[in-house]
Amino acid sequence: MFKHAFAASVITLSASVMAAHHEEAPMIAEIYDCTLNEGVAMAEVVDFARTDFKAFADKNDLAMNTFIWEAVAVSPPYDEPDLRWVNYFPTWGDYFAGEALWRATAQDVAAGIFERVSCSKARTAAVHNAGAQPPVATEKPLIAMVCNLDDGKTIEDALAYRKGINEMANGLIDGSVGSSVFTPALGLSGFDYVAMITGTQSDMANMMDNVRSGKARKAMQSLDLENPAQCVTDLHRSHLVISR
């Protein structure tokens, strides 16, 4: 959506995002890798997104959800961007409708974003449900696991594993974290999928402490859950911009 108007162009998913494609065709994620311009703070970008950018989307009744993933602890080769701006669309029709309006009428908003960040061209991914729906919150911890499948394993194996792990993890805490899987679509390569896990700070802390203590591993072994991929785990802070 930012491309063209951005000469060179951005996930906690809300419950509405996850419900929209539960066990159905995946949604579309449009992702921009961005670095902060000199002297610009992350809070300035989030504030502009929640005001000017959201106002444009609301005025045009765009069928989309938007989140900013602030990098916290990210492994190479994906550690250079300060943030990832992620727009979600239910269908390609919604994506192209939004893009047309953006190119035709959003020059001022695009200029405001460019004053704050420098971004890559758009990359797109398919977003598959892989467990519970995450709660809606203005800010959440978000784990992104960049994964490559083992020989003989498929994305169906990965989805089944992620759903099993999500159910197990939520069974160990007094709460619920959500899970989804991103698979490469257009302009995105180098891995088989990204598993996203997110929830409130309290729920995420409890889940991560269960991993730290070994409680989660014991539960995995009792359920005979085996990861079909090799993954690198990264941490982001997800900021809500638009949730329909």
Protein backbone atom coordinates (compact mmCIF):
# COMPACT_ATOMS: atom_id res chain seq x y z
CA MET A 1 0.00 0.00 0.00
CA PHE A 2 2.87 2.39 0.73
CA LYS A 3 4.68 1.62 -2.51
CA HIS A 4 4.40 4.28 -5.25
CA ALA A 5 3.36 6.96 -2.74
CA PHE A 6 6.39 5.84 -0.70
CA ALA A 7 9.13 5.86 -3.29
CA ALA A 8 10.76 2.97 -1.40
CA SER A 9 8.51 1.77 1.13
CA VAL A 10 5.48 -1.83 7.30
CA ILE A 11 2.14 -7.86 14.29
CA THR A 12 0.09 -8.27 17.33
CA LEU A 13 -2.96 -9.44 15.42
CA SER A 14 -6.26 -8.36 16.92
CA ALA A 15 -9.06 -10.77 17.62
CA SER A 16 -10.94 -9.40 14.62
CA VAL A 17 -7.99 -10.18 12.33
CA MET A 18 -7.73 -13.75 13.54
CA ALA A 19 -11.47 -14.40 13.50
CA ALA A 20 -11.79 -13.15 9.94
CA HIS A 21 -9.82 -16.07 8.56
CA HIS A 22 -10.27 -18.75 11.25
CA GLU A 23 -9.85 -22.13 9.53
CA GLU A 24 -10.49 -20.47 6.18
CA ALA A 25 -8.43 -18.90 3.42
CA PRO A 26 -5.52 -16.89 4.85
CA MET A 27 -5.48 -13.13 5.09
CA ILE A 28 -2.85 -10.99 3.37
CA ALA A 29 -0.11 -9.22 5.32
CA GLU A 30 1.73 -6.32 3.71
CA ILE A 31 5.05 -5.82 5.51
CA TYR A 32 7.54 -2.95 5.42
CA ASP A 33 10.94 -3.06 7.13
CA CYS A 34 11.70 0.44 8.43
CA THR A 35 14.46 2.37 10.19
CA LEU A 36 13.89 5.48 12.26
CA ASN A 37 15.14 8.70 10.71
CA GLU A 38 17.75 10.61 12.70
CA GLY A 39 16.32 12.18 15.83
CA VAL A 40 12.95 10.42 15.56
CA ALA A 41 11.65 8.35 18.50
CA MET A 42 9.48 5.26 18.14
CA ALA A 43 6.68 6.98 20.03
CA GLU A 44 6.50 9.67 17.33
CA VAL A 45 5.97 7.05 14.62
CA VAL A 46 3.29 5.24 16.61
CA ASP A 47 1.50 8.50 17.39
CA PHE A 48 1.48 9.58 13.73
CA ALA A 49 0.22 6.15 12.67
CA ARG A 50 -2.60 6.26 15.22
CA THR A 51 -3.68 9.75 14.18
CA ASP A 52 -3.01 10.79 10.57
CA PHE A 53 -2.66 7.31 9.06
CA LYS A 54 -5.66 5.91 10.94
CA ALA A 55 -7.73 8.97 10.01
CA PHE A 56 -7.02 8.32 6.32
CA ALA A 57 -8.03 4.64 6.66
CA ASP A 58 -11.17 5.54 8.63
CA LYS A 59 -12.21 8.30 6.20
CA ASN A 60 -11.98 5.88 3.28
CA ASP A 61 -13.48 2.96 5.21
CA LEU A 62 -10.53 0.75 4.27
CA ALA A 63 -10.90 -2.95 5.08
CA MET A 64 -7.58 -3.32 6.88
CA ASN A 65 -5.87 -3.71 10.24
CA THR A 66 -2.48 -2.20 11.05
CA PHE A 67 0.21 -2.89 13.65
CA ILE A 68 3.75 -1.67 14.21
CA TRP A 69 6.25 -4.29 15.40
CA GLU A 70 9.05 -2.55 17.31
CA ALA A 71 12.24 -4.64 17.28
CA VAL A 72 13.41 -5.62 20.78
CA ALA A 73 15.70 -8.65 20.43
CA VAL A 74 16.07 -9.77 16.81
CA SER A 75 18.69 -12.12 15.33
CA PRO A 76 20.62 -11.54 12.09
CA PRO A 77 19.89 -11.23 9.21
CA TYR A 78 16.58 -9.64 10.23
CA ASP A 79 17.92 -7.36 12.97
CA GLU A 80 18.60 -4.16 11.00
CA PRO A 81 15.07 -2.64 10.87
CA ASP A 82 13.95 -0.67 13.92
CA LEU A 83 10.35 -1.61 13.21
CA ARG A 84 8.08 -3.51 10.87
CA TRP A 85 4.86 -1.81 9.75
CA VAL A 86 2.27 -4.50 8.98
CA ASN A 87 -1.05 -3.93 7.18
CA TYR A 88 -3.55 -6.82 7.04
CA PHE A 89 -6.23 -7.20 4.35
CA PRO A 90 -9.03 -9.82 4.19
CA THR A 91 -8.67 -10.24 0.39
CA TRP A 92 -6.52 -9.13 -2.55
CA GLY A 93 -9.49 -7.04 -3.67
CA ASP A 94 -9.27 -5.09 -0.39
CA TYR A 95 -5.51 -4.78 -0.82
CA PHE A 96 -5.71 -3.28 -4.33
CA ALA A 97 -8.63 -1.01 -3.40
CA GLY A 98 -6.60 0.41 -0.53
CA GLU A 99 -3.52 0.78 -2.71
CA ALA A 100 -5.45 2.74 -5.35
CA LEU A 101 -6.84 5.16 -2.77
CA TRP A 102 -3.41 5.52 -1.16
CA ARG A 103 -1.69 6.40 -4.45
CA ALA A 104 -4.44 8.83 -5.43
CA THR A 105 -5.10 10.72 -2.21
CA ALA A 106 -2.54 10.02 0.54
CA GLN A 107 0.43 12.15 -0.49
CA ASP A 108 0.37 14.24 2.70
CA VAL A 109 0.13 11.16 4.94
CA ALA A 110 2.91 9.42 3.01
CA ALA A 111 5.13 12.50 3.38
CA GLY A 112 4.48 12.50 7.13
CA ILE A 113 5.55 8.88 7.40
CA PHE A 114 8.65 9.53 5.30
CA GLU A 115 9.65 12.34 7.65
CA ARG A 116 9.84 9.78 10.44
CA VAL A 117 11.00 6.48 8.89
CA SER A 118 12.75 5.06 5.83
CA CYS A 119 11.23 1.80 4.63
CA SER A 120 11.74 -1.06 2.23
CA LYS A 121 9.43 -1.89 -0.64
CA ALA A 122 6.38 -3.91 0.27
CA ARG A 123 6.59 -7.64 0.93
CA THR A 124 3.50 -9.79 1.31
CA ALA A 125 2.69 -12.95 3.24
CA ALA A 126 -0.29 -15.20 3.80
CA VAL A 127 -1.47 -15.28 7.43
CA HIS A 128 -2.83 -18.60 8.70
CA ASN A 129 -4.63 -19.18 12.00
CA ALA A 130 -2.52 -21.43 14.24
CA GLY A 131 -4.27 -21.44 17.59
CA ALA A 132 -6.16 -19.12 19.91
CA GLN A 133 -7.12 -15.56 19.11
CA PRO A 134 -4.93 -12.99 20.88
CA PRO A 135 -6.61 -10.34 23.03
CA VAL A 136 -6.83 -6.77 21.77
CA ALA A 137 -4.41 -4.39 23.52
CA THR A 138 -2.68 -1.16 22.57
CA GLU A 139 0.73 -2.77 23.22
CA LYS A 140 1.85 -6.40 23.55
CA PRO A 141 5.02 -8.50 23.51
CA LEU A 142 5.26 -10.46 20.26
CA ILE A 143 7.48 -13.45 19.52
CA ALA A 144 8.32 -14.09 15.87
CA MET A 145 9.96 -17.44 15.09
CA VAL A 146 11.67 -17.56 11.68
CA CYS A 147 11.55 -21.22 10.63
CA ASN A 148 12.81 -23.59 7.94
CA LEU A 149 11.09 -26.97 7.63
CA ASP A 150 13.04 -30.18 8.16
CA ASP A 151 13.38 -32.55 5.21
CA GLY A 152 10.10 -34.26 4.43
CA LYS A 153 8.01 -31.84 6.53
CA THR A 154 5.29 -29.55 5.16
CA ILE A 155 3.54 -26.37 6.17
CA GLU A 156 0.60 -28.54 7.23
CA ASP A 157 2.93 -30.24 9.74
CA ALA A 158 3.97 -26.80 10.98
CA LEU A 159 0.38 -25.61 11.40
CA ALA A 160 -0.59 -28.77 13.29
CA TYR A 161 2.45 -28.40 15.56
CA ARG A 162 1.83 -24.71 16.23
CA LYS A 163 -1.82 -25.38 17.11
CA GLY A 164 -0.78 -28.18 19.47
CA ILE A 165 1.88 -26.02 21.11
CA ASN A 166 -0.52 -23.09 21.48
CA GLU A 167 -3.16 -25.26 23.14
CA MET A 168 -0.53 -26.75 25.46
CA ALA A 169 0.94 -23.34 26.36
CA ASN A 170 -2.47 -21.88 27.16
CA GLY A 171 -3.30 -24.92 29.27
CA LEU A 172 -0.36 -24.08 31.55
CA ILE A 173 -1.31 -20.44 32.23
CA ASP A 174 -4.31 -18.64 33.65
CA GLY A 175 -4.84 -16.75 30.39
CA SER A 176 -4.47 -17.09 26.65
CA VAL A 177 -1.87 -16.24 24.04
CA GLY A 178 -2.66 -16.21 20.33
CA SER A 179 -0.81 -17.83 17.45
CA SER A 180 -0.60 -17.49 13.67
CA VAL A 181 1.75 -18.52 10.87
CA PHE A 182 3.00 -16.26 8.05
CA THR A 183 4.03 -17.95 4.78
CA PRO A 184 5.89 -16.05 2.02
CA ALA A 185 3.80 -14.65 -0.84
CA LEU A 186 5.22 -11.82 -3.01
CA GLY A 187 8.68 -10.28 -2.56
CA LEU A 188 9.44 -12.43 0.51
CA SER A 189 11.86 -15.37 0.62
CA GLY A 190 14.66 -16.96 2.63
CA PHE A 191 12.54 -19.01 5.06
CA ASP A 192 9.57 -21.37 5.01
CA TYR A 193 7.38 -19.59 7.56
CA VAL A 194 7.26 -17.24 10.54
CA ALA A 195 5.33 -18.36 13.62
CA MET A 196 3.86 -15.46 15.59
CA ILE A 197 2.92 -15.75 19.28
CA THR A 198 1.42 -12.82 21.15
CA GLY A 199 -0.75 -11.89 24.10
CA THR A 200 -0.94 -9.56 27.06
CA GLN A 201 2.30 -8.84 28.87
CA SER A 202 1.18 -10.94 31.85
CA ASP A 203 0.22 -13.95 29.74
CA MET A 204 3.36 -13.74 27.62
CA ALA A 205 5.54 -13.50 30.74
CA ASN A 206 3.86 -16.57 32.24
CA MET A 207 4.28 -18.52 29.00
CA MET A 208 7.95 -17.53 28.69
CA ASP A 209 8.61 -18.41 32.35
CA ASN A 210 7.17 -21.87 31.70
CA VAL A 211 9.74 -22.26 28.91
CA ARG A 212 12.51 -20.93 31.19
CA SER A 213 11.65 -23.33 34.01
CA GLY A 214 11.34 -26.40 31.77
CA LYS A 215 7.63 -26.82 32.55
CA ALA A 216 6.67 -26.31 28.91
CA ARG A 217 9.23 -28.84 27.64
CA LYS A 218 7.90 -31.50 30.01
CA ALA A 219 4.36 -30.83 28.79
CA MET A 220 5.54 -31.07 25.16
CA GLN A 221 7.20 -34.41 25.82
CA SER A 222 4.10 -35.78 27.52
CA LEU A 223 2.04 -34.84 24.45
CA ASP A 224 4.70 -36.11 22.01
CA LEU A 225 4.89 -32.73 20.26
CA GLU A 226 7.94 -32.42 18.00
CA ASN A 227 8.91 -29.28 16.09
CA PRO A 228 9.00 -30.02 12.30
CA ALA A 229 11.36 -27.08 11.66
CA GLN A 230 14.49 -25.30 12.78
CA CYS A 231 13.60 -21.85 14.12
CA VAL A 232 15.24 -18.66 15.35
CA THR A 233 13.21 -16.82 17.98
CA ASP A 234 12.93 -13.02 18.04
CA LEU A 235 11.08 -10.59 20.32
CA HIS A 236 9.12 -7.50 19.27
CA ARG A 237 6.80 -5.01 20.93
CA SER A 238 3.58 -4.76 18.95
CA HIS A 239 1.72 -1.43 18.84
CA LEU A 240 -1.95 -1.39 17.78
CA VAL A 241 -2.78 1.19 15.08
CA ILE A 242 -6.05 -0.02 13.48
CA SER A 243 -8.32 -2.86 14.56
CA ARG A 244 -11.69 -3.31 12.87
